[in-house]
N, C-alpha and C. Protein backbone atom coordinates (compact mmCIF):
# COMPACT_ATOMS: atom_id res chain seq x y z
N MET A 1 30.72 -83.96 -162.16
CA MET A 1 30.85 -83.86 -160.71
C MET A 1 30.21 -85.11 -160.07
N SER A 2 30.94 -85.79 -159.18
CA SER A 2 30.44 -87.01 -158.56
C SER A 2 29.30 -86.73 -157.60
N LEU A 3 28.50 -87.77 -157.31
CA LEU A 3 27.38 -87.63 -156.38
C LEU A 3 27.89 -87.28 -154.99
N LYS A 4 29.01 -87.90 -154.58
CA LYS A 4 29.58 -87.62 -153.25
C LYS A 4 29.96 -86.16 -153.13
N LEU A 5 30.58 -85.60 -154.18
CA LEU A 5 31.00 -84.20 -154.14
C LEU A 5 29.79 -83.28 -154.11
N LYS A 6 28.73 -83.62 -154.88
CA LYS A 6 27.51 -82.82 -154.87
C LYS A 6 26.88 -82.80 -153.49
N LEU A 7 26.81 -83.98 -152.84
CA LEU A 7 26.22 -84.06 -151.50
C LEU A 7 27.05 -83.29 -150.49
N THR A 8 28.38 -83.38 -150.63
CA THR A 8 29.27 -82.64 -149.72
C THR A 8 29.07 -81.14 -149.86
N MET A 9 28.97 -80.66 -151.10
CA MET A 9 28.77 -79.22 -151.34
C MET A 9 27.41 -78.77 -150.81
N LEU A 10 26.37 -79.62 -150.98
CA LEU A 10 25.04 -79.28 -150.48
C LEU A 10 25.06 -79.18 -148.96
N LEU A 11 25.69 -80.17 -148.30
CA LEU A 11 25.79 -80.15 -146.84
C LEU A 11 26.57 -78.93 -146.38
N GLU A 12 27.63 -78.59 -147.10
CA GLU A 12 28.47 -77.45 -146.76
C GLU A 12 27.67 -76.16 -146.78
N TRP A 13 26.89 -75.94 -147.84
CA TRP A 13 26.12 -74.70 -147.95
C TRP A 13 24.99 -74.66 -146.95
N LYS A 14 24.36 -75.80 -146.64
CA LYS A 14 23.32 -75.84 -145.61
C LYS A 14 23.89 -75.46 -144.26
N LEU A 15 25.12 -75.93 -143.98
CA LEU A 15 25.76 -75.60 -142.71
C LEU A 15 26.11 -74.12 -142.66
N TYR A 16 26.59 -73.55 -143.78
CA TYR A 16 26.86 -72.12 -143.82
C TYR A 16 25.62 -71.33 -143.45
N ILE A 17 24.50 -71.67 -144.10
CA ILE A 17 23.25 -70.94 -143.88
C ILE A 17 22.76 -71.11 -142.45
N PHE A 18 22.86 -72.34 -141.92
CA PHE A 18 22.39 -72.61 -140.55
C PHE A 18 23.18 -71.80 -139.52
N VAL A 19 24.50 -71.83 -139.63
CA VAL A 19 25.33 -71.13 -138.65
C VAL A 19 25.18 -69.62 -138.81
N LEU A 20 25.12 -69.14 -140.06
CA LEU A 20 24.94 -67.71 -140.29
C LEU A 20 23.62 -67.23 -139.70
N ALA A 21 22.56 -68.02 -139.87
CA ALA A 21 21.26 -67.67 -139.31
C ALA A 21 21.32 -67.62 -137.79
N ALA A 22 22.04 -68.57 -137.18
CA ALA A 22 22.16 -68.60 -135.73
C ALA A 22 22.91 -67.37 -135.22
N VAL A 23 23.98 -67.01 -135.92
CA VAL A 23 24.77 -65.83 -135.52
C VAL A 23 23.92 -64.56 -135.63
N VAL A 24 23.17 -64.44 -136.73
CA VAL A 24 22.32 -63.26 -136.92
C VAL A 24 21.25 -63.19 -135.85
N MET A 25 20.64 -64.34 -135.51
CA MET A 25 19.61 -64.37 -134.46
C MET A 25 20.15 -63.89 -133.13
N VAL A 26 21.36 -64.35 -132.79
CA VAL A 26 21.98 -63.94 -131.52
C VAL A 26 22.30 -62.46 -131.54
N MET A 27 22.84 -61.97 -132.66
CA MET A 27 23.22 -60.56 -132.75
C MET A 27 22.01 -59.64 -132.68
N ILE A 28 20.89 -60.09 -133.29
CA ILE A 28 19.68 -59.27 -133.27
C ILE A 28 18.97 -59.35 -131.93
N SER A 29 18.87 -60.56 -131.38
CA SER A 29 18.10 -60.77 -130.16
C SER A 29 18.79 -60.24 -128.92
N SER A 30 20.11 -60.32 -128.89
CA SER A 30 20.84 -59.93 -127.69
C SER A 30 20.62 -58.47 -127.31
N PRO A 31 20.75 -57.51 -128.24
CA PRO A 31 20.51 -56.12 -127.85
C PRO A 31 19.09 -55.89 -127.38
N LEU A 32 18.12 -56.58 -128.01
CA LEU A 32 16.73 -56.40 -127.60
C LEU A 32 16.52 -56.93 -126.20
N ALA A 33 17.12 -58.09 -125.91
CA ALA A 33 16.97 -58.66 -124.58
C ALA A 33 17.71 -57.83 -123.54
N LEU A 34 18.88 -57.35 -123.92
CA LEU A 34 19.68 -56.57 -122.99
C LEU A 34 19.00 -55.25 -122.65
N ALA A 35 18.28 -54.70 -123.61
CA ALA A 35 17.63 -53.42 -123.39
C ALA A 35 16.57 -53.49 -122.30
N GLU A 36 16.07 -54.71 -122.04
CA GLU A 36 15.03 -54.87 -121.04
C GLU A 36 15.60 -54.96 -119.62
N GLU A 37 16.91 -55.12 -119.54
CA GLU A 37 17.55 -55.29 -118.24
C GLU A 37 17.97 -53.94 -117.65
N THR A 38 18.13 -53.92 -116.34
CA THR A 38 18.69 -52.74 -115.69
C THR A 38 20.18 -52.71 -115.97
N GLU A 39 20.79 -51.59 -115.71
CA GLU A 39 22.22 -51.45 -115.99
C GLU A 39 23.03 -52.49 -115.25
N SER A 40 22.65 -52.84 -114.03
CA SER A 40 23.41 -53.80 -113.24
C SER A 40 23.22 -55.22 -113.75
N GLY A 41 22.20 -55.45 -114.57
CA GLY A 41 21.93 -56.80 -115.04
C GLY A 41 22.39 -57.06 -116.45
N LEU A 42 23.06 -56.10 -117.10
CA LEU A 42 23.45 -56.26 -118.48
C LEU A 42 24.42 -57.41 -118.69
N GLN A 43 25.42 -57.50 -117.84
CA GLN A 43 26.46 -58.48 -118.03
C GLN A 43 25.92 -59.90 -117.87
N SER A 44 24.97 -60.10 -116.96
CA SER A 44 24.47 -61.44 -116.70
C SER A 44 23.52 -61.93 -117.78
N LYS A 45 23.00 -61.04 -118.62
CA LYS A 45 22.04 -61.44 -119.64
C LYS A 45 22.70 -62.20 -120.78
N PHE A 46 23.83 -61.71 -121.25
CA PHE A 46 24.53 -62.39 -122.35
C PHE A 46 26.02 -62.34 -122.03
N SER A 47 26.52 -63.39 -121.39
CA SER A 47 27.91 -63.41 -120.97
C SER A 47 28.48 -64.81 -121.12
N LEU A 48 29.78 -64.89 -121.01
CA LEU A 48 30.49 -66.16 -121.14
C LEU A 48 30.07 -67.12 -120.04
N THR A 49 29.68 -68.34 -120.41
CA THR A 49 29.27 -69.34 -119.41
C THR A 49 30.13 -70.60 -119.45
N GLU A 50 30.96 -70.74 -120.48
CA GLU A 50 31.83 -71.93 -120.57
C GLU A 50 33.14 -71.58 -121.25
N SER A 51 34.24 -72.06 -120.69
CA SER A 51 35.55 -71.92 -121.30
C SER A 51 36.22 -73.29 -121.26
N THR A 52 36.55 -73.82 -122.43
CA THR A 52 37.12 -75.16 -122.51
C THR A 52 38.38 -75.15 -123.37
N MET A 53 39.44 -75.73 -122.85
CA MET A 53 40.66 -75.93 -123.62
C MET A 53 40.63 -77.35 -124.17
N ILE A 54 40.75 -77.48 -125.49
CA ILE A 54 40.61 -78.76 -126.16
C ILE A 54 41.90 -79.11 -126.90
N ALA A 55 42.33 -80.36 -126.75
CA ALA A 55 43.49 -80.86 -127.49
C ALA A 55 43.14 -82.23 -128.06
N GLY A 56 43.62 -82.49 -129.26
CA GLY A 56 43.29 -83.77 -129.86
C GLY A 56 44.12 -84.05 -131.10
N PHE A 57 43.68 -85.05 -131.84
CA PHE A 57 44.39 -85.48 -133.04
C PHE A 57 43.38 -85.76 -134.14
N GLY A 58 43.69 -85.29 -135.35
CA GLY A 58 42.81 -85.51 -136.49
C GLY A 58 43.54 -86.20 -137.62
N LYS A 59 42.79 -87.05 -138.34
CA LYS A 59 43.40 -87.78 -139.45
C LYS A 59 42.41 -87.92 -140.59
N GLY A 60 42.87 -87.69 -141.80
CA GLY A 60 42.07 -87.87 -143.00
C GLY A 60 42.97 -88.30 -144.14
N GLY A 61 42.44 -88.25 -145.35
CA GLY A 61 43.23 -88.65 -146.49
C GLY A 61 43.00 -87.74 -147.67
N PHE A 62 44.02 -87.58 -148.50
CA PHE A 62 43.91 -86.84 -149.75
C PHE A 62 44.96 -87.38 -150.71
N THR A 63 45.09 -86.78 -151.89
CA THR A 63 45.94 -87.34 -152.93
C THR A 63 47.37 -87.56 -152.47
N GLU A 64 47.87 -86.62 -151.65
CA GLU A 64 49.26 -86.71 -151.19
C GLU A 64 49.48 -87.76 -150.10
N GLY A 65 48.42 -88.40 -149.65
CA GLY A 65 48.56 -89.44 -148.63
C GLY A 65 47.73 -89.15 -147.40
N SER A 66 48.29 -89.41 -146.23
CA SER A 66 47.59 -89.21 -144.97
C SER A 66 47.67 -87.75 -144.55
N TYR A 67 46.52 -87.18 -144.17
CA TYR A 67 46.48 -85.80 -143.68
C TYR A 67 46.28 -85.87 -142.17
N GLU A 68 47.30 -85.51 -141.40
CA GLU A 68 47.27 -85.63 -139.94
C GLU A 68 47.57 -84.27 -139.30
N HIS A 69 46.84 -83.95 -138.26
CA HIS A 69 47.04 -82.65 -137.62
C HIS A 69 46.73 -82.73 -136.12
N ILE A 70 47.44 -81.91 -135.36
CA ILE A 70 47.16 -81.73 -133.94
C ILE A 70 46.04 -80.70 -133.80
N VAL A 71 45.14 -80.94 -132.85
CA VAL A 71 44.01 -80.03 -132.63
C VAL A 71 44.22 -79.25 -131.34
N LEU A 72 44.24 -77.92 -131.43
CA LEU A 72 44.38 -77.04 -130.27
C LEU A 72 43.30 -75.97 -130.37
N ILE A 73 42.27 -76.07 -129.53
CA ILE A 73 41.09 -75.22 -129.63
C ILE A 73 40.76 -74.59 -128.28
N TRP A 74 40.39 -73.33 -128.31
CA TRP A 74 39.81 -72.67 -127.13
C TRP A 74 38.32 -72.50 -127.41
N HIS A 75 37.51 -73.28 -126.72
CA HIS A 75 36.06 -73.29 -126.93
C HIS A 75 35.39 -72.36 -125.93
N LEU A 76 34.65 -71.37 -126.44
CA LEU A 76 33.95 -70.40 -125.60
C LEU A 76 32.45 -70.54 -125.84
N GLY A 77 31.67 -70.68 -124.76
CA GLY A 77 30.24 -70.88 -124.88
C GLY A 77 29.44 -69.79 -124.18
N PHE A 78 28.36 -69.36 -124.83
CA PHE A 78 27.47 -68.33 -124.27
C PHE A 78 26.06 -68.93 -124.20
N ASP A 79 25.54 -69.10 -122.98
CA ASP A 79 24.26 -69.77 -122.77
C ASP A 79 23.12 -68.95 -123.36
N LEU A 80 22.42 -69.51 -124.34
CA LEU A 80 21.32 -68.80 -125.00
C LEU A 80 20.05 -68.80 -124.16
N LYS A 81 20.03 -69.56 -123.08
CA LYS A 81 18.88 -69.54 -122.18
C LYS A 81 18.71 -68.16 -121.55
N ARG A 82 19.80 -67.44 -121.44
CA ARG A 82 19.75 -66.09 -120.86
C ARG A 82 19.20 -65.07 -121.85
N VAL A 83 19.19 -65.46 -123.14
CA VAL A 83 18.70 -64.56 -124.18
C VAL A 83 17.28 -64.92 -124.61
N PHE A 84 17.04 -66.22 -124.78
CA PHE A 84 15.73 -66.70 -125.21
C PHE A 84 15.01 -67.34 -124.03
N SER A 85 14.02 -66.66 -123.50
CA SER A 85 13.33 -67.13 -122.30
C SER A 85 12.62 -68.46 -122.50
N ARG A 86 12.29 -68.80 -123.74
CA ARG A 86 11.60 -70.06 -124.00
C ARG A 86 12.46 -71.27 -123.69
N LEU A 87 13.77 -71.07 -123.58
CA LEU A 87 14.68 -72.18 -123.28
C LEU A 87 14.80 -72.45 -121.78
N GLU A 88 14.21 -71.61 -120.94
CA GLU A 88 14.41 -71.71 -119.50
C GLU A 88 13.87 -73.00 -118.91
N ASP A 89 12.81 -73.58 -119.52
CA ASP A 89 12.21 -74.80 -118.99
C ASP A 89 12.86 -76.06 -119.56
N ASN A 90 13.84 -75.91 -120.42
CA ASN A 90 14.51 -77.06 -121.02
C ASN A 90 15.67 -77.50 -120.14
N ARG A 91 15.75 -78.79 -119.85
CA ARG A 91 16.84 -79.30 -119.00
C ARG A 91 18.20 -79.14 -119.67
N GLY A 92 18.20 -79.20 -121.00
CA GLY A 92 19.45 -79.05 -121.72
C GLY A 92 19.89 -77.60 -121.80
N ILE A 93 21.13 -77.41 -122.23
CA ILE A 93 21.71 -76.07 -122.35
C ILE A 93 22.18 -75.86 -123.78
N LEU A 94 21.61 -74.85 -124.44
CA LEU A 94 22.00 -74.49 -125.80
C LEU A 94 22.93 -73.28 -125.73
N THR A 95 24.11 -73.41 -126.30
CA THR A 95 25.08 -72.31 -126.25
C THR A 95 25.50 -71.89 -127.65
N PHE A 96 25.74 -70.60 -127.79
CA PHE A 96 26.39 -70.05 -128.97
C PHE A 96 27.89 -70.15 -128.73
N THR A 97 28.64 -70.69 -129.69
CA THR A 97 30.05 -70.98 -129.45
C THR A 97 30.98 -70.22 -130.39
N MET A 98 32.16 -69.92 -129.86
CA MET A 98 33.27 -69.40 -130.65
C MET A 98 34.49 -70.26 -130.35
N GLU A 99 35.24 -70.60 -131.40
CA GLU A 99 36.39 -71.47 -131.22
C GLU A 99 37.61 -70.96 -131.98
N PRO A 100 38.43 -70.11 -131.37
CA PRO A 100 39.73 -69.79 -131.96
C PRO A 100 40.60 -71.05 -131.92
N LYS A 101 41.39 -71.24 -132.95
CA LYS A 101 42.22 -72.45 -132.98
C LYS A 101 43.48 -72.26 -133.81
N ILE A 102 44.49 -73.05 -133.45
CA ILE A 102 45.70 -73.15 -134.26
C ILE A 102 46.12 -74.60 -134.23
N ASN A 103 46.16 -75.23 -135.41
CA ASN A 103 46.41 -76.67 -135.50
C ASN A 103 47.67 -76.95 -136.31
N PRO A 104 48.73 -77.41 -135.68
CA PRO A 104 49.91 -77.82 -136.44
C PRO A 104 49.59 -79.05 -137.30
N VAL A 105 50.02 -79.03 -138.56
CA VAL A 105 49.84 -80.18 -139.45
C VAL A 105 51.13 -80.98 -139.45
N ILE A 106 51.04 -82.28 -139.16
CA ILE A 106 52.25 -83.11 -139.02
C ILE A 106 52.44 -84.09 -140.18
N SER A 107 51.45 -84.20 -141.06
CA SER A 107 51.58 -85.04 -142.25
C SER A 107 50.66 -84.48 -143.33
N PRO A 108 51.15 -84.34 -144.57
CA PRO A 108 52.36 -84.94 -145.13
C PRO A 108 53.66 -84.20 -144.81
N ALA A 109 53.59 -82.97 -144.29
CA ALA A 109 54.79 -82.23 -143.91
C ALA A 109 54.58 -81.66 -142.52
N GLU A 110 55.67 -81.46 -141.78
CA GLU A 110 55.57 -80.98 -140.41
C GLU A 110 55.67 -79.46 -140.30
N LYS A 111 55.78 -78.76 -141.40
CA LYS A 111 55.96 -77.31 -141.34
C LYS A 111 54.67 -76.54 -141.58
N ASP A 112 53.56 -77.23 -141.83
CA ASP A 112 52.31 -76.56 -142.15
C ASP A 112 51.44 -76.32 -140.92
N VAL A 113 50.44 -75.45 -141.10
CA VAL A 113 49.59 -75.08 -139.97
C VAL A 113 48.20 -74.67 -140.48
N GLU A 114 47.22 -74.84 -139.62
CA GLU A 114 45.86 -74.34 -139.84
C GLU A 114 45.54 -73.37 -138.70
N PHE A 115 44.89 -72.24 -138.99
CA PHE A 115 44.45 -71.37 -137.91
C PHE A 115 43.24 -70.56 -138.35
N GLY A 116 42.43 -70.17 -137.37
CA GLY A 116 41.24 -69.39 -137.66
C GLY A 116 40.26 -69.44 -136.51
N ILE A 117 38.98 -69.17 -136.80
CA ILE A 117 37.95 -69.16 -135.77
C ILE A 117 36.65 -69.71 -136.36
N SER A 118 35.91 -70.46 -135.53
CA SER A 118 34.62 -71.02 -135.94
C SER A 118 33.53 -70.51 -135.02
N PHE A 119 32.32 -70.43 -135.57
CA PHE A 119 31.13 -70.03 -134.81
C PHE A 119 30.08 -71.11 -134.97
N GLY A 120 29.33 -71.38 -133.91
CA GLY A 120 28.33 -72.43 -134.03
C GLY A 120 27.43 -72.55 -132.82
N LEU A 121 26.85 -73.73 -132.67
CA LEU A 121 25.93 -74.03 -131.58
C LEU A 121 26.32 -75.35 -130.93
N LYS A 122 26.08 -75.45 -129.63
CA LYS A 122 26.32 -76.68 -128.88
C LYS A 122 25.13 -76.92 -127.96
N TYR A 123 24.66 -78.16 -127.95
CA TYR A 123 23.54 -78.51 -127.06
C TYR A 123 24.01 -79.61 -126.10
N ARG A 124 23.99 -79.29 -124.82
CA ARG A 124 24.44 -80.23 -123.78
C ARG A 124 23.25 -80.64 -122.92
N TYR A 125 23.13 -81.95 -122.69
CA TYR A 125 21.98 -82.47 -121.93
C TYR A 125 22.48 -83.36 -120.80
N PRO A 126 22.02 -83.11 -119.56
CA PRO A 126 22.47 -83.92 -118.42
C PRO A 126 21.88 -85.33 -118.47
N LEU A 127 22.73 -86.33 -118.38
CA LEU A 127 22.30 -87.73 -118.34
C LEU A 127 22.22 -88.25 -116.91
N THR A 128 23.18 -87.83 -116.10
CA THR A 128 23.17 -88.10 -114.66
C THR A 128 23.69 -86.85 -113.97
N GLN A 129 23.86 -86.90 -112.67
CA GLN A 129 24.36 -85.73 -111.94
C GLN A 129 25.79 -85.38 -112.36
N LYS A 130 26.56 -86.39 -112.77
CA LYS A 130 27.97 -86.17 -113.11
C LYS A 130 28.27 -86.26 -114.61
N LEU A 131 27.32 -86.74 -115.40
CA LEU A 131 27.59 -87.01 -116.81
C LEU A 131 26.60 -86.29 -117.71
N SER A 132 27.10 -85.61 -118.73
CA SER A 132 26.27 -84.95 -119.73
C SER A 132 26.73 -85.35 -121.12
N GLY A 133 25.79 -85.44 -122.05
CA GLY A 133 26.13 -85.67 -123.45
C GLY A 133 25.88 -84.40 -124.24
N TYR A 134 26.57 -84.23 -125.35
CA TYR A 134 26.38 -83.02 -126.14
C TYR A 134 26.62 -83.27 -127.62
N VAL A 135 26.03 -82.42 -128.44
CA VAL A 135 26.27 -82.39 -129.88
C VAL A 135 26.63 -80.95 -130.25
N LEU A 136 27.36 -80.79 -131.33
CA LEU A 136 27.77 -79.44 -131.74
C LEU A 136 27.94 -79.36 -133.24
N GLY A 137 27.88 -78.15 -133.75
CA GLY A 137 28.14 -77.86 -135.15
C GLY A 137 28.69 -76.46 -135.29
N SER A 138 29.63 -76.28 -136.19
CA SER A 138 30.22 -74.95 -136.34
C SER A 138 30.84 -74.78 -137.72
N MET A 139 31.10 -73.56 -138.09
CA MET A 139 31.82 -73.25 -139.32
C MET A 139 32.50 -71.90 -139.16
N GLY A 140 33.49 -71.64 -139.99
CA GLY A 140 34.15 -70.35 -139.90
C GLY A 140 35.35 -70.23 -140.82
N PRO A 141 35.85 -69.01 -141.00
CA PRO A 141 36.99 -68.76 -141.88
C PRO A 141 38.31 -69.17 -141.24
N HIS A 142 39.17 -69.76 -142.04
CA HIS A 142 40.48 -70.20 -141.57
C HIS A 142 41.52 -69.97 -142.67
N TYR A 143 42.75 -70.26 -142.33
CA TYR A 143 43.85 -70.18 -143.29
C TYR A 143 44.69 -71.43 -143.13
N ILE A 144 45.03 -72.08 -144.25
CA ILE A 144 45.90 -73.25 -144.19
C ILE A 144 47.08 -73.04 -145.12
N THR A 145 48.23 -73.59 -144.72
CA THR A 145 49.43 -73.47 -145.55
C THR A 145 49.69 -74.75 -146.34
N VAL A 146 48.87 -75.78 -146.12
CA VAL A 146 49.06 -77.07 -146.78
C VAL A 146 48.88 -76.93 -148.29
N LYS A 147 49.79 -77.51 -149.07
CA LYS A 147 49.71 -77.49 -150.52
C LYS A 147 49.28 -78.87 -151.01
N SER A 148 48.24 -78.91 -151.84
CA SER A 148 47.70 -80.18 -152.31
C SER A 148 47.07 -80.00 -153.69
N THR A 149 47.05 -81.08 -154.47
CA THR A 149 46.35 -81.06 -155.75
C THR A 149 44.84 -81.17 -155.55
N ASP A 150 44.40 -81.48 -154.32
CA ASP A 150 42.97 -81.59 -154.02
C ASP A 150 42.36 -80.27 -153.59
N GLN A 151 43.17 -79.43 -152.95
CA GLN A 151 42.62 -78.25 -152.31
C GLN A 151 43.59 -77.08 -152.35
N ALA A 152 43.11 -75.92 -152.82
CA ALA A 152 43.94 -74.72 -152.80
C ALA A 152 44.20 -74.29 -151.36
N ASN A 153 45.42 -73.86 -151.08
CA ASN A 153 45.73 -73.42 -149.72
C ASN A 153 45.33 -71.95 -149.57
N GLY A 154 45.57 -71.39 -148.37
CA GLY A 154 45.17 -70.02 -148.10
C GLY A 154 43.82 -69.96 -147.41
N PHE A 155 42.99 -68.97 -147.78
CA PHE A 155 41.69 -68.77 -147.15
C PHE A 155 40.77 -69.96 -147.43
N ILE A 156 40.09 -70.41 -146.36
CA ILE A 156 39.28 -71.62 -146.46
C ILE A 156 38.23 -71.62 -145.35
N PHE A 157 37.21 -72.47 -145.49
CA PHE A 157 36.19 -72.62 -144.45
C PHE A 157 36.32 -73.99 -143.78
N PHE A 158 36.16 -74.02 -142.46
CA PHE A 158 36.06 -75.27 -141.72
C PHE A 158 34.59 -75.51 -141.40
N ASN A 159 34.07 -76.70 -141.68
CA ASN A 159 32.73 -77.11 -141.29
C ASN A 159 32.86 -78.32 -140.39
N THR A 160 32.28 -78.25 -139.20
CA THR A 160 32.48 -79.30 -138.20
C THR A 160 31.17 -79.72 -137.55
N VAL A 161 30.99 -81.03 -137.38
CA VAL A 161 29.91 -81.56 -136.55
C VAL A 161 30.55 -82.55 -135.59
N GLY A 162 29.96 -82.69 -134.41
CA GLY A 162 30.57 -83.59 -133.43
C GLY A 162 29.64 -83.93 -132.29
N ALA A 163 30.12 -84.82 -131.43
CA ALA A 163 29.37 -85.24 -130.26
C ALA A 163 30.35 -85.69 -129.19
N GLY A 164 29.93 -85.62 -127.93
CA GLY A 164 30.82 -86.03 -126.86
C GLY A 164 30.12 -86.13 -125.53
N PHE A 165 30.93 -86.38 -124.51
CA PHE A 165 30.45 -86.50 -123.14
C PHE A 165 31.29 -85.63 -122.22
N SER A 166 30.62 -85.02 -121.24
CA SER A 166 31.31 -84.24 -120.20
C SER A 166 31.17 -84.97 -118.87
N PHE A 167 32.30 -85.18 -118.20
CA PHE A 167 32.33 -85.82 -116.88
C PHE A 167 32.67 -84.74 -115.86
N PHE A 168 31.70 -84.39 -115.00
CA PHE A 168 31.90 -83.29 -114.07
C PHE A 168 32.76 -83.73 -112.89
N LEU A 169 33.85 -82.98 -112.68
CA LEU A 169 34.74 -83.22 -111.54
C LEU A 169 34.22 -82.49 -110.31
N THR A 170 33.72 -81.27 -110.53
CA THR A 170 33.07 -80.48 -109.50
C THR A 170 31.83 -79.86 -110.15
N GLU A 171 31.13 -79.03 -109.44
CA GLU A 171 29.95 -78.38 -109.99
C GLU A 171 30.30 -77.46 -111.15
N LYS A 172 31.53 -76.92 -111.16
CA LYS A 172 31.93 -75.93 -112.16
C LYS A 172 33.04 -76.38 -113.11
N THR A 173 33.53 -77.60 -112.98
CA THR A 173 34.60 -78.07 -113.86
C THR A 173 34.27 -79.46 -114.40
N ALA A 174 34.79 -79.77 -115.58
CA ALA A 174 34.50 -81.06 -116.20
C ALA A 174 35.59 -81.44 -117.19
N LEU A 175 35.74 -82.74 -117.38
CA LEU A 175 36.57 -83.27 -118.45
C LEU A 175 35.65 -83.76 -119.56
N SER A 176 36.05 -83.58 -120.81
CA SER A 176 35.21 -84.01 -121.92
C SER A 176 35.99 -84.90 -122.88
N LEU A 177 35.27 -85.83 -123.47
CA LEU A 177 35.78 -86.67 -124.55
C LEU A 177 34.84 -86.49 -125.73
N GLU A 178 35.40 -86.24 -126.92
CA GLU A 178 34.53 -85.97 -128.05
C GLU A 178 35.10 -86.45 -129.37
N TYR A 179 34.17 -86.64 -130.31
CA TYR A 179 34.52 -86.98 -131.70
C TYR A 179 34.00 -85.87 -132.59
N ARG A 180 34.80 -85.49 -133.59
CA ARG A 180 34.38 -84.49 -134.56
C ARG A 180 34.67 -84.98 -135.98
N PHE A 181 33.76 -84.63 -136.89
CA PHE A 181 33.99 -84.83 -138.31
C PHE A 181 34.14 -83.45 -138.94
N ARG A 182 35.20 -83.25 -139.69
CA ARG A 182 35.50 -81.92 -140.23
C ARG A 182 35.71 -81.97 -141.74
N HIS A 183 35.11 -81.02 -142.41
CA HIS A 183 35.31 -80.84 -143.85
C HIS A 183 35.85 -79.43 -144.09
N ILE A 184 36.92 -79.34 -144.87
CA ILE A 184 37.46 -78.02 -145.21
C ILE A 184 37.45 -77.84 -146.72
N SER A 185 36.98 -76.68 -147.15
CA SER A 185 37.02 -76.28 -148.55
C SER A 185 36.77 -74.77 -148.60
N ASN A 186 36.79 -74.18 -149.79
CA ASN A 186 36.74 -72.72 -149.85
C ASN A 186 35.52 -72.15 -150.57
N ALA A 187 34.43 -72.93 -150.64
CA ALA A 187 33.18 -72.45 -151.25
C ALA A 187 33.39 -72.00 -152.69
N ASP A 188 34.29 -72.73 -153.39
CA ASP A 188 34.55 -72.46 -154.82
C ASP A 188 35.12 -71.07 -155.10
N THR A 189 35.81 -70.49 -154.12
CA THR A 189 36.46 -69.21 -154.37
C THR A 189 37.80 -69.39 -155.09
N GLN A 190 38.35 -70.62 -155.03
CA GLN A 190 39.58 -70.94 -155.75
C GLN A 190 39.49 -72.38 -156.24
N GLU A 191 40.36 -72.71 -157.17
CA GLU A 191 40.48 -74.09 -157.64
C GLU A 191 41.90 -74.57 -157.40
N PRO A 192 42.08 -75.85 -157.05
CA PRO A 192 41.07 -76.89 -156.87
C PRO A 192 40.31 -76.72 -155.57
N ASN A 193 39.13 -77.37 -155.48
CA ASN A 193 38.30 -77.25 -154.28
C ASN A 193 37.57 -78.57 -154.01
N VAL A 194 38.32 -79.66 -154.03
CA VAL A 194 37.74 -80.97 -153.75
C VAL A 194 37.38 -81.09 -152.28
N GLY A 195 38.19 -80.46 -151.41
CA GLY A 195 37.96 -80.54 -149.97
C GLY A 195 38.80 -81.61 -149.31
N ILE A 196 39.04 -81.42 -148.02
CA ILE A 196 39.79 -82.40 -147.22
C ILE A 196 38.96 -82.70 -145.97
N GLU A 197 38.76 -83.97 -145.69
CA GLU A 197 37.95 -84.36 -144.54
C GLU A 197 38.80 -85.07 -143.50
N SER A 198 38.46 -84.85 -142.23
CA SER A 198 39.21 -85.43 -141.13
C SER A 198 38.27 -85.98 -140.06
N HIS A 199 38.73 -87.05 -139.41
CA HIS A 199 38.07 -87.57 -138.22
C HIS A 199 38.94 -87.19 -137.03
N ILE A 200 38.32 -86.61 -136.00
CA ILE A 200 39.07 -86.03 -134.89
C ILE A 200 38.61 -86.63 -133.56
N GLY A 201 39.57 -87.00 -132.74
CA GLY A 201 39.31 -87.39 -131.36
C GLY A 201 39.97 -86.37 -130.45
N ALA A 202 39.26 -85.92 -129.41
CA ALA A 202 39.82 -84.85 -128.57
C ALA A 202 39.37 -84.99 -127.12
N ILE A 203 40.15 -84.37 -126.24
CA ILE A 203 39.83 -84.29 -124.82
C ILE A 203 39.86 -82.82 -124.41
N GLY A 204 39.00 -82.44 -123.48
CA GLY A 204 38.95 -81.05 -123.07
C GLY A 204 38.78 -80.89 -121.57
N TYR A 205 39.16 -79.74 -121.09
CA TYR A 205 38.94 -79.37 -119.68
C TYR A 205 38.11 -78.10 -119.66
N SER A 206 36.94 -78.18 -119.01
CA SER A 206 35.98 -77.08 -119.01
C SER A 206 35.84 -76.42 -117.66
N VAL A 207 35.64 -75.10 -117.69
CA VAL A 207 35.27 -74.33 -116.51
C VAL A 207 33.96 -73.63 -116.85
N PHE A 208 32.95 -73.78 -115.99
CA PHE A 208 31.64 -73.18 -116.21
C PHE A 208 31.42 -72.02 -115.25
N PHE A 209 30.73 -70.99 -115.73
CA PHE A 209 30.52 -69.79 -114.93
C PHE A 209 29.04 -69.59 -114.64
């Protein structure tokens, strides 16, 4: 096994553990925090605070040649400041994210598709009144129809890290530009499992609540 593959597998498992721990923390902490609220305040304690439609293009490489796909993501964010009071004095905003997605694959064949959902964290920090920067990380189960000698198709995991900027059009709406690095593989549940990596550029339109 090559050093690159070992490092990729190590990073993959660390990301699994990190995101799983974050999901468990939110699931455990939310009911406890909600229990302290009055009935009228339940919804405001842990509720949707961001909805972003994202479109972009991703490109990578594998044995069959260039791996190219369209990116279509619905990004949903839940502000953790409402759950963890220690975050209230932080200028930045930490959100728990869910991203349902369906991505048409256009190379090496135009008939393939990726679809699934990712869970993760996003941290957005205001740089000016109109501009914010952010970083994000996520992982989740997906399904791909792509056939390759590098990677078994079917059930698979997406691991993603990225960064971008949000340009606020109004107090509650923004346009975003972002870069993502994505690794897909199946945690050795099938062979082959070399993995496929992509570099993604995307634009999004956000509504904040």
